[in-house]
Amino acid sequence: MTKLDGNERWKSKMLLTEHQEQYQNRHNKTLTGRATNEELTMIRDVIMFPHMLTMSDKSLQEVRRTPNLYKRLFEQAVQLIMNKISKDLFALRRELKNRNIKVFDDETADGIIYHRYVCRGYEDKFGIVRETLRSEISVRLAQYASSVFHPESEGNKPPSKGHDAP
């Protein structure tokens, strides 16, 4: 017989929620500090996707204003591309939230767009050159467009969560 056998408090198996989370996460690999290369790519993509949506929206408005024979087809294609980008952006933001990474607004200096981010308590700036961003956007938009026009082709499929190697 131990000292705790007579104590009624120790008979319950109730577990507080914060202890339950700790118990469940004890086997998870805990990352601390700086962002990994994969996470930096995710940060780049979460910065890039809103620019892609803005460019696509401007293109959609321009198509709607012009009298074109294939106007309806272009509208549908651009709308499908925007839907895929939005879906990927949503999934990417959710993944960043799960990894405890927050990205804040930008500032521009000398043609470089800087975004401040906090990754598990580590604060840093992510900078991307404007021309590099433009070229990456054009490549990604081409991937999204080819996935719309050739959905069965896996080679042209854009990354589902947006974290591929740069």
N, C-alpha and C. Protein backbone atom coordinates (compact mmCIF):
# COMPACT_ATOMS: atom_id res chain seq x y z
N MET A 1 0.84 -1.18 0.00
CA MET A 1 0.00 0.00 0.00
C MET A 1 0.89 1.25 0.00
N THR A 2 0.57 2.19 -0.91
CA THR A 2 1.35 3.43 -1.00
C THR A 2 0.62 4.55 -0.29
N LYS A 3 1.29 5.66 -0.19
CA LYS A 3 0.68 6.82 0.47
C LYS A 3 -0.53 7.34 -0.30
N LEU A 4 -0.54 7.16 -1.63
CA LEU A 4 -1.60 7.73 -2.45
C LEU A 4 -2.84 6.85 -2.52
N ASP A 5 -2.78 5.63 -2.06
CA ASP A 5 -3.92 4.74 -2.17
C ASP A 5 -5.13 5.25 -1.40
N GLY A 6 -4.95 5.82 -0.26
CA GLY A 6 -6.06 6.31 0.53
C GLY A 6 -6.55 7.69 0.09
N ASN A 7 -5.79 8.37 -0.74
CA ASN A 7 -6.13 9.72 -1.17
C ASN A 7 -7.07 9.65 -2.37
N GLU A 8 -8.28 10.13 -2.22
CA GLU A 8 -9.29 10.06 -3.27
C GLU A 8 -8.96 10.94 -4.48
N ARG A 9 -8.14 11.95 -4.30
CA ARG A 9 -7.80 12.85 -5.41
C ARG A 9 -7.10 12.12 -6.54
N TRP A 10 -6.32 11.13 -6.22
CA TRP A 10 -5.49 10.47 -7.22
C TRP A 10 -6.23 9.38 -7.97
N LYS A 11 -7.48 9.14 -7.65
CA LYS A 11 -8.24 8.12 -8.35
C LYS A 11 -8.79 8.62 -9.68
N SER A 12 -9.04 9.90 -9.81
CA SER A 12 -9.62 10.41 -11.06
C SER A 12 -8.56 10.43 -12.15
N LYS A 13 -9.03 10.28 -13.36
CA LYS A 13 -8.13 10.27 -14.51
C LYS A 13 -8.32 11.54 -15.33
N MET A 14 -8.84 12.57 -14.72
CA MET A 14 -9.11 13.81 -15.43
C MET A 14 -7.79 14.49 -15.80
N LEU A 15 -7.77 15.05 -17.00
CA LEU A 15 -6.57 15.68 -17.51
C LEU A 15 -6.93 17.07 -18.01
N LEU A 16 -6.21 18.06 -17.57
CA LEU A 16 -6.46 19.42 -18.03
C LEU A 16 -6.09 19.55 -19.50
N THR A 17 -6.74 20.48 -20.20
CA THR A 17 -6.51 20.60 -21.65
C THR A 17 -5.07 20.94 -21.99
N GLU A 18 -4.44 21.84 -21.22
CA GLU A 18 -3.05 22.18 -21.54
C GLU A 18 -2.12 21.00 -21.31
N HIS A 19 -2.45 20.16 -20.33
CA HIS A 19 -1.63 18.97 -20.11
C HIS A 19 -1.88 17.94 -21.19
N GLN A 20 -3.11 17.88 -21.67
CA GLN A 20 -3.43 16.95 -22.74
C GLN A 20 -2.68 17.33 -24.02
N GLU A 21 -2.63 18.63 -24.33
CA GLU A 21 -1.88 19.09 -25.50
C GLU A 21 -0.40 18.77 -25.35
N GLN A 22 0.13 18.97 -24.16
CA GLN A 22 1.54 18.64 -23.93
C GLN A 22 1.77 17.14 -24.10
N TYR A 23 0.84 16.35 -23.60
CA TYR A 23 0.97 14.89 -23.71
C TYR A 23 0.93 14.45 -25.17
N GLN A 24 0.01 15.03 -25.94
CA GLN A 24 -0.11 14.66 -27.35
C GLN A 24 1.07 15.15 -28.17
N ASN A 25 1.63 16.30 -27.81
CA ASN A 25 2.73 16.88 -28.58
C ASN A 25 4.10 16.45 -28.11
N ARG A 26 4.17 15.57 -27.15
CA ARG A 26 5.49 15.20 -26.62
C ARG A 26 6.34 14.45 -27.64
N HIS A 27 5.71 13.77 -28.59
CA HIS A 27 6.46 13.04 -29.60
C HIS A 27 6.72 13.89 -30.84
N ASN A 28 6.05 15.01 -30.97
CA ASN A 28 6.27 15.88 -32.12
C ASN A 28 7.64 16.52 -32.03
N LYS A 29 8.26 16.64 -33.19
CA LYS A 29 9.56 17.31 -33.24
C LYS A 29 9.31 18.80 -33.07
N THR A 30 9.82 19.37 -32.03
CA THR A 30 9.59 20.78 -31.77
C THR A 30 10.69 21.61 -32.42
N LEU A 31 10.28 22.52 -33.27
CA LEU A 31 11.20 23.42 -33.92
C LEU A 31 11.22 24.72 -33.14
N THR A 32 12.38 25.23 -32.92
CA THR A 32 12.48 26.51 -32.24
C THR A 32 13.36 27.43 -33.05
N GLY A 33 13.09 28.70 -32.92
CA GLY A 33 13.97 29.69 -33.54
C GLY A 33 13.72 29.93 -35.00
N ARG A 34 14.80 29.97 -35.75
CA ARG A 34 14.78 30.39 -37.14
C ARG A 34 13.94 29.49 -38.03
N ALA A 35 13.47 30.08 -39.12
CA ALA A 35 12.66 29.34 -40.08
C ALA A 35 13.56 28.44 -40.94
N THR A 36 13.04 27.28 -41.29
CA THR A 36 13.76 26.37 -42.17
C THR A 36 13.63 26.87 -43.61
N ASN A 37 14.35 26.24 -44.53
CA ASN A 37 14.26 26.63 -45.94
C ASN A 37 12.85 26.42 -46.47
N GLU A 38 12.21 25.34 -46.07
CA GLU A 38 10.84 25.08 -46.50
C GLU A 38 9.90 26.18 -45.99
N GLU A 39 10.10 26.60 -44.76
CA GLU A 39 9.25 27.64 -44.18
C GLU A 39 9.52 28.99 -44.84
N LEU A 40 10.76 29.26 -45.20
CA LEU A 40 11.06 30.51 -45.92
C LEU A 40 10.38 30.51 -47.29
N THR A 41 10.34 29.35 -47.93
CA THR A 41 9.63 29.24 -49.21
C THR A 41 8.15 29.47 -49.01
N MET A 42 7.61 28.96 -47.92
CA MET A 42 6.20 29.18 -47.61
C MET A 42 5.93 30.66 -47.36
N ILE A 43 6.84 31.33 -46.67
CA ILE A 43 6.70 32.77 -46.41
C ILE A 43 6.73 33.53 -47.73
N ARG A 44 7.66 33.15 -48.62
CA ARG A 44 7.73 33.79 -49.93
C ARG A 44 6.40 33.62 -50.69
N ASP A 45 5.85 32.41 -50.64
CA ASP A 45 4.61 32.15 -51.35
C ASP A 45 3.42 32.91 -50.76
N VAL A 46 3.38 33.03 -49.43
CA VAL A 46 2.27 33.76 -48.81
C VAL A 46 2.39 35.25 -49.11
N ILE A 47 3.57 35.72 -49.42
CA ILE A 47 3.77 37.10 -49.86
C ILE A 47 3.37 37.23 -51.33
N MET A 48 3.69 36.22 -52.12
CA MET A 48 3.49 36.28 -53.56
C MET A 48 2.03 36.07 -53.98
N PHE A 49 1.31 35.18 -53.32
CA PHE A 49 -0.05 34.85 -53.74
C PHE A 49 -1.00 36.05 -53.77
N PRO A 50 -1.00 36.95 -52.79
CA PRO A 50 -1.89 38.12 -52.91
C PRO A 50 -1.56 39.00 -54.13
N HIS A 51 -0.27 39.11 -54.47
CA HIS A 51 0.10 39.85 -55.68
C HIS A 51 -0.45 39.15 -56.92
N MET A 52 -0.39 37.83 -56.93
CA MET A 52 -0.93 37.07 -58.05
C MET A 52 -2.43 37.26 -58.17
N LEU A 53 -3.13 37.28 -57.04
CA LEU A 53 -4.57 37.51 -57.07
C LEU A 53 -4.91 38.90 -57.59
N THR A 54 -4.13 39.90 -57.17
CA THR A 54 -4.36 41.27 -57.64
C THR A 54 -4.14 41.37 -59.14
N MET A 55 -3.06 40.78 -59.62
CA MET A 55 -2.78 40.82 -61.06
C MET A 55 -3.87 40.09 -61.84
N SER A 56 -4.32 38.96 -61.34
CA SER A 56 -5.37 38.20 -62.02
C SER A 56 -6.68 38.97 -62.02
N ASP A 57 -6.99 39.64 -60.92
CA ASP A 57 -8.21 40.43 -60.84
C ASP A 57 -8.18 41.60 -61.82
N LYS A 58 -7.04 42.27 -61.93
CA LYS A 58 -6.92 43.36 -62.90
C LYS A 58 -7.09 42.84 -64.32
N SER A 59 -6.52 41.68 -64.59
CA SER A 59 -6.67 41.07 -65.90
C SER A 59 -8.13 40.71 -66.17
N LEU A 60 -8.81 40.21 -65.16
CA LEU A 60 -10.22 39.86 -65.30
C LEU A 60 -11.06 41.10 -65.59
N GLN A 61 -10.81 42.19 -64.89
CA GLN A 61 -11.55 43.43 -65.13
C GLN A 61 -11.29 43.95 -66.55
N GLU A 62 -10.05 43.82 -67.00
CA GLU A 62 -9.70 44.27 -68.35
C GLU A 62 -10.41 43.43 -69.40
N VAL A 63 -10.48 42.12 -69.19
CA VAL A 63 -11.18 41.23 -70.12
C VAL A 63 -12.66 41.58 -70.17
N ARG A 64 -13.24 41.90 -69.04
CA ARG A 64 -14.66 42.23 -69.00
C ARG A 64 -14.98 43.53 -69.73
N ARG A 65 -14.02 44.44 -69.79
CA ARG A 65 -14.25 45.72 -70.46
C ARG A 65 -14.10 45.64 -71.98
N THR A 66 -13.39 44.66 -72.48
CA THR A 66 -13.12 44.59 -73.91
C THR A 66 -14.17 43.75 -74.63
N PRO A 67 -14.53 44.18 -75.83
CA PRO A 67 -15.45 43.36 -76.63
C PRO A 67 -14.65 42.29 -77.38
N ASN A 68 -14.65 41.09 -76.85
CA ASN A 68 -13.86 40.01 -77.44
C ASN A 68 -14.78 38.82 -77.66
N LEU A 69 -14.51 38.10 -78.74
CA LEU A 69 -15.32 36.94 -79.07
C LEU A 69 -15.19 35.85 -78.00
N TYR A 70 -14.02 35.70 -77.44
CA TYR A 70 -13.77 34.67 -76.43
C TYR A 70 -13.77 35.22 -75.01
N LYS A 71 -14.45 36.32 -74.84
CA LYS A 71 -14.49 37.01 -73.55
C LYS A 71 -14.95 36.08 -72.42
N ARG A 72 -16.00 35.34 -72.67
CA ARG A 72 -16.57 34.44 -71.65
C ARG A 72 -15.57 33.35 -71.25
N LEU A 73 -14.88 32.80 -72.26
CA LEU A 73 -13.89 31.76 -72.00
C LEU A 73 -12.74 32.30 -71.16
N PHE A 74 -12.25 33.48 -71.51
CA PHE A 74 -11.16 34.11 -70.75
C PHE A 74 -11.59 34.39 -69.31
N GLU A 75 -12.82 34.89 -69.14
CA GLU A 75 -13.32 35.16 -67.80
C GLU A 75 -13.33 33.90 -66.95
N GLN A 76 -13.84 32.81 -67.53
CA GLN A 76 -13.91 31.56 -66.78
C GLN A 76 -12.52 31.02 -66.44
N ALA A 77 -11.59 31.13 -67.38
CA ALA A 77 -10.23 30.64 -67.14
C ALA A 77 -9.56 31.44 -66.03
N VAL A 78 -9.67 32.76 -66.09
CA VAL A 78 -9.06 33.61 -65.06
C VAL A 78 -9.72 33.36 -63.71
N GLN A 79 -11.03 33.17 -63.71
CA GLN A 79 -11.73 32.90 -62.45
C GLN A 79 -11.29 31.56 -61.85
N LEU A 80 -11.10 30.55 -62.69
CA LEU A 80 -10.61 29.26 -62.19
C LEU A 80 -9.21 29.39 -61.60
N ILE A 81 -8.36 30.15 -62.28
CA ILE A 81 -7.00 30.37 -61.77
C ILE A 81 -7.05 31.08 -60.43
N MET A 82 -7.89 32.11 -60.33
CA MET A 82 -8.01 32.85 -59.07
C MET A 82 -8.53 31.95 -57.94
N ASN A 83 -9.47 31.06 -58.27
CA ASN A 83 -9.99 30.14 -57.26
C ASN A 83 -8.91 29.19 -56.75
N LYS A 84 -8.08 28.69 -57.67
CA LYS A 84 -6.99 27.79 -57.26
C LYS A 84 -5.96 28.52 -56.41
N ILE A 85 -5.63 29.75 -56.80
CA ILE A 85 -4.67 30.53 -56.02
C ILE A 85 -5.23 30.80 -54.62
N SER A 86 -6.51 31.17 -54.56
CA SER A 86 -7.13 31.45 -53.25
C SER A 86 -7.14 30.21 -52.37
N LYS A 87 -7.43 29.06 -52.96
CA LYS A 87 -7.45 27.81 -52.20
C LYS A 87 -6.05 27.49 -51.66
N ASP A 88 -5.04 27.66 -52.50
CA ASP A 88 -3.66 27.40 -52.06
C ASP A 88 -3.21 28.40 -51.01
N LEU A 89 -3.63 29.66 -51.15
CA LEU A 89 -3.27 30.69 -50.17
C LEU A 89 -3.90 30.37 -48.82
N PHE A 90 -5.15 29.94 -48.83
CA PHE A 90 -5.83 29.58 -47.59
C PHE A 90 -5.12 28.42 -46.90
N ALA A 91 -4.78 27.39 -47.67
CA ALA A 91 -4.08 26.23 -47.09
C ALA A 91 -2.71 26.62 -46.56
N LEU A 92 -2.03 27.51 -47.27
CA LEU A 92 -0.71 27.95 -46.86
C LEU A 92 -0.77 28.77 -45.57
N ARG A 93 -1.75 29.64 -45.47
CA ARG A 93 -1.91 30.43 -44.23
C ARG A 93 -2.23 29.53 -43.05
N ARG A 94 -3.04 28.52 -43.28
CA ARG A 94 -3.37 27.57 -42.21
C ARG A 94 -2.11 26.82 -41.77
N GLU A 95 -1.29 26.40 -42.72
CA GLU A 95 -0.06 25.68 -42.39
C GLU A 95 0.91 26.57 -41.62
N LEU A 96 1.02 27.84 -42.03
CA LEU A 96 1.89 28.77 -41.30
C LEU A 96 1.38 28.98 -39.88
N LYS A 97 0.07 29.05 -39.72
CA LYS A 97 -0.50 29.21 -38.38
C LYS A 97 -0.19 27.98 -37.52
N ASN A 98 -0.29 26.80 -38.11
CA ASN A 98 0.03 25.57 -37.38
C ASN A 98 1.49 25.53 -36.96
N ARG A 99 2.36 26.13 -37.76
CA ARG A 99 3.79 26.15 -37.45
C ARG A 99 4.18 27.36 -36.60
N ASN A 100 3.20 28.15 -36.20
CA ASN A 100 3.42 29.32 -35.35
C ASN A 100 4.31 30.36 -36.03
N ILE A 101 3.95 30.67 -37.29
CA ILE A 101 4.68 31.67 -38.07
C ILE A 101 3.68 32.75 -38.47
N LYS A 102 4.04 34.00 -38.21
CA LYS A 102 3.19 35.13 -38.57
C LYS A 102 3.96 36.05 -39.50
N VAL A 103 3.31 36.47 -40.59
CA VAL A 103 3.92 37.37 -41.56
C VAL A 103 3.16 38.69 -41.49
N PHE A 104 3.91 39.80 -41.43
CA PHE A 104 3.31 41.12 -41.28
C PHE A 104 3.49 41.94 -42.55
N ASP A 105 2.87 43.12 -42.58
CA ASP A 105 2.86 43.98 -43.76
C ASP A 105 4.25 44.32 -44.25
N ASP A 106 4.24 44.85 -45.47
CA ASP A 106 5.51 45.08 -46.15
C ASP A 106 5.94 46.53 -46.14
N GLU A 107 7.20 46.71 -46.48
CA GLU A 107 7.76 48.03 -46.73
C GLU A 107 8.73 47.85 -47.90
N THR A 108 8.83 48.87 -48.73
CA THR A 108 9.68 48.78 -49.91
C THR A 108 10.83 49.76 -49.78
N ALA A 109 12.03 49.28 -50.09
CA ALA A 109 13.21 50.14 -50.07
C ALA A 109 14.16 49.67 -51.17
N ASP A 110 14.50 50.59 -52.07
CA ASP A 110 15.45 50.32 -53.16
C ASP A 110 15.07 49.11 -54.01
N GLY A 111 13.80 48.98 -54.35
CA GLY A 111 13.35 47.89 -55.20
C GLY A 111 13.26 46.54 -54.52
N ILE A 112 13.38 46.52 -53.20
CA ILE A 112 13.27 45.28 -52.44
C ILE A 112 12.06 45.39 -51.53
N ILE A 113 11.22 44.38 -51.57
CA ILE A 113 10.03 44.34 -50.72
C ILE A 113 10.37 43.54 -49.47
N TYR A 114 10.22 44.18 -48.31
CA TYR A 114 10.53 43.53 -47.04
C TYR A 114 9.25 43.22 -46.29
N HIS A 115 9.18 42.03 -45.75
CA HIS A 115 8.08 41.63 -44.87
C HIS A 115 8.70 41.16 -43.55
N ARG A 116 8.13 41.62 -42.48
CA ARG A 116 8.57 41.18 -41.17
C ARG A 116 7.80 39.91 -40.82
N TYR A 117 8.50 38.94 -40.25
CA TYR A 117 7.83 37.72 -39.81
C TYR A 117 8.35 37.28 -38.45
N VAL A 118 7.49 36.58 -37.74
CA VAL A 118 7.85 36.01 -36.44
C VAL A 118 7.66 34.51 -36.55
N CYS A 119 8.74 33.79 -36.33
CA CYS A 119 8.72 32.33 -36.44
C CYS A 119 9.08 31.73 -35.09
N ARG A 120 8.07 31.25 -34.38
CA ARG A 120 8.27 30.62 -33.06
C ARG A 120 9.11 31.50 -32.13
N GLY A 121 8.77 32.79 -32.10
CA GLY A 121 9.45 33.71 -31.21
C GLY A 121 10.65 34.41 -31.82
N TYR A 122 11.14 33.93 -32.95
CA TYR A 122 12.28 34.55 -33.62
C TYR A 122 11.76 35.54 -34.64
N GLU A 123 12.16 36.80 -34.53
CA GLU A 123 11.68 37.84 -35.43
C GLU A 123 12.76 38.19 -36.44
N ASP A 124 12.36 38.31 -37.71
CA ASP A 124 13.31 38.62 -38.77
C ASP A 124 12.56 39.30 -39.91
N LYS A 125 13.32 39.74 -40.92
CA LYS A 125 12.74 40.34 -42.12
C LYS A 125 13.02 39.42 -43.30
N PHE A 126 12.03 39.34 -44.18
CA PHE A 126 12.17 38.58 -45.41
C PHE A 126 12.14 39.58 -46.55
N GLY A 127 13.19 39.64 -47.33
CA GLY A 127 13.26 40.58 -48.44
C GLY A 127 13.29 39.86 -49.76
N ILE A 128 12.55 40.39 -50.72
CA ILE A 128 12.56 39.81 -52.07
C ILE A 128 12.65 40.95 -53.07
N VAL A 129 13.53 40.81 -54.04
CA VAL A 129 13.71 41.82 -55.07
C VAL A 129 12.47 41.84 -55.96
N ARG A 130 12.03 43.02 -56.31
CA ARG A 130 10.80 43.20 -57.09
C ARG A 130 10.83 42.42 -58.41
N GLU A 131 11.95 42.45 -59.12
CA GLU A 131 12.05 41.74 -60.40
C GLU A 131 12.00 40.23 -60.20
N THR A 132 12.60 39.76 -59.12
CA THR A 132 12.54 38.33 -58.81
C THR A 132 11.11 37.91 -58.52
N LEU A 133 10.40 38.75 -57.78
CA LEU A 133 8.99 38.48 -57.49
C LEU A 133 8.17 38.44 -58.77
N ARG A 134 8.42 39.39 -59.67
CA ARG A 134 7.68 39.40 -60.94
C ARG A 134 7.94 38.15 -61.75
N SER A 135 9.20 37.74 -61.85
CA SER A 135 9.50 36.55 -62.65
C SER A 135 8.90 35.30 -62.01
N GLU A 136 8.95 35.20 -60.70
CA GLU A 136 8.36 34.05 -60.02
C GLU A 136 6.84 34.04 -60.19
N ILE A 137 6.23 35.21 -60.16
CA ILE A 137 4.78 35.30 -60.37
C ILE A 137 4.42 34.85 -61.78
N SER A 138 5.19 35.26 -62.78
CA SER A 138 4.88 34.86 -64.15
C SER A 138 5.03 33.35 -64.33
N VAL A 139 6.03 32.76 -63.70
CA VAL A 139 6.20 31.30 -63.77
C VAL A 139 5.03 30.60 -63.10
N ARG A 140 4.66 31.07 -61.93
CA ARG A 140 3.55 30.44 -61.20
C ARG A 140 2.22 30.60 -61.92
N LEU A 141 1.97 31.79 -62.47
CA LEU A 141 0.72 31.99 -63.21
C LEU A 141 0.67 31.08 -64.43
N ALA A 142 1.80 30.87 -65.08
CA ALA A 142 1.85 29.94 -66.21
C ALA A 142 1.54 28.52 -65.75
N GLN A 143 2.05 28.13 -64.59
CA GLN A 143 1.75 26.80 -64.05
C GLN A 143 0.26 26.66 -63.74
N TYR A 144 -0.32 27.68 -63.13
CA TYR A 144 -1.75 27.63 -62.82
C TYR A 144 -2.57 27.59 -64.10
N ALA A 145 -2.20 28.38 -65.10
CA ALA A 145 -2.94 28.40 -66.36
C ALA A 145 -2.85 27.04 -67.05
N SER A 146 -1.67 26.45 -67.07
CA SER A 146 -1.55 25.14 -67.72
C SER A 146 -2.31 24.07 -66.95
N SER A 147 -2.42 24.22 -65.64
CA SER A 147 -3.21 23.24 -64.87
C SER A 147 -4.70 23.40 -65.15
N VAL A 148 -5.12 24.61 -65.52
CA VAL A 148 -6.53 24.82 -65.86
C VAL A 148 -6.83 24.24 -67.24
N PHE A 149 -5.92 24.46 -68.20
CA PHE A 149 -6.17 24.01 -69.56
C PHE A 149 -5.77 22.56 -69.78
N HIS A 150 -4.89 22.01 -68.96
CA HIS A 150 -4.47 20.61 -69.06
C HIS A 150 -4.52 19.97 -67.67
N PRO A 151 -5.71 19.74 -67.13
CA PRO A 151 -5.81 19.24 -65.76
C PRO A 151 -5.26 17.82 -65.59
N GLU A 152 -5.23 17.02 -66.64
CA GLU A 152 -4.75 15.65 -66.51
C GLU A 152 -3.23 15.56 -66.48
N SER A 153 -2.55 16.60 -66.89
CA SER A 153 -1.09 16.60 -66.93
C SER A 153 -0.54 16.93 -65.55
N GLU A 154 0.16 15.98 -64.92
CA GLU A 154 0.71 16.19 -63.58
C GLU A 154 1.95 17.07 -63.61
N GLY A 155 2.69 17.09 -64.71
CA GLY A 155 3.91 17.88 -64.79
C GLY A 155 3.64 19.37 -64.76
N ASN A 156 2.46 19.78 -65.19
CA ASN A 156 2.12 21.20 -65.24
C ASN A 156 1.34 21.65 -64.03
N LYS A 157 1.12 20.74 -63.10
CA LYS A 157 0.30 21.07 -61.93
C LYS A 157 1.06 22.00 -60.99
N PRO A 158 0.41 23.09 -60.54
CA PRO A 158 1.08 23.97 -59.58
C PRO A 158 1.19 23.28 -58.24
N PRO A 159 2.14 23.69 -57.43
CA PRO A 159 2.28 23.07 -56.11
C PRO A 159 1.03 23.29 -55.29
N SER A 160 0.59 22.23 -54.60
CA SER A 160 -0.68 22.30 -53.89
C SER A 160 -0.65 23.25 -52.71
N LYS A 161 0.45 23.27 -51.96
CA LYS A 161 0.52 24.16 -50.82
C LYS A 161 1.49 25.29 -51.06
N GLY A 162 2.11 25.31 -52.21
CA GLY A 162 2.98 26.42 -52.53
C GLY A 162 4.35 26.35 -51.91
N HIS A 163 4.77 25.19 -51.39
CA HIS A 163 6.12 25.18 -50.84
C HIS A 163 6.97 24.18 -51.60
N ASP A 164 7.44 24.66 -52.74
CA ASP A 164 8.44 23.93 -53.50
C ASP A 164 9.76 24.67 -53.38
N ALA A 165 10.79 24.06 -53.86
CA ALA A 165 12.10 24.72 -53.77
C ALA A 165 12.17 25.88 -54.74
N PRO A 166 12.79 27.00 -54.35
CA PRO A 166 12.85 28.15 -55.24
C PRO A 166 13.75 27.92 -56.42
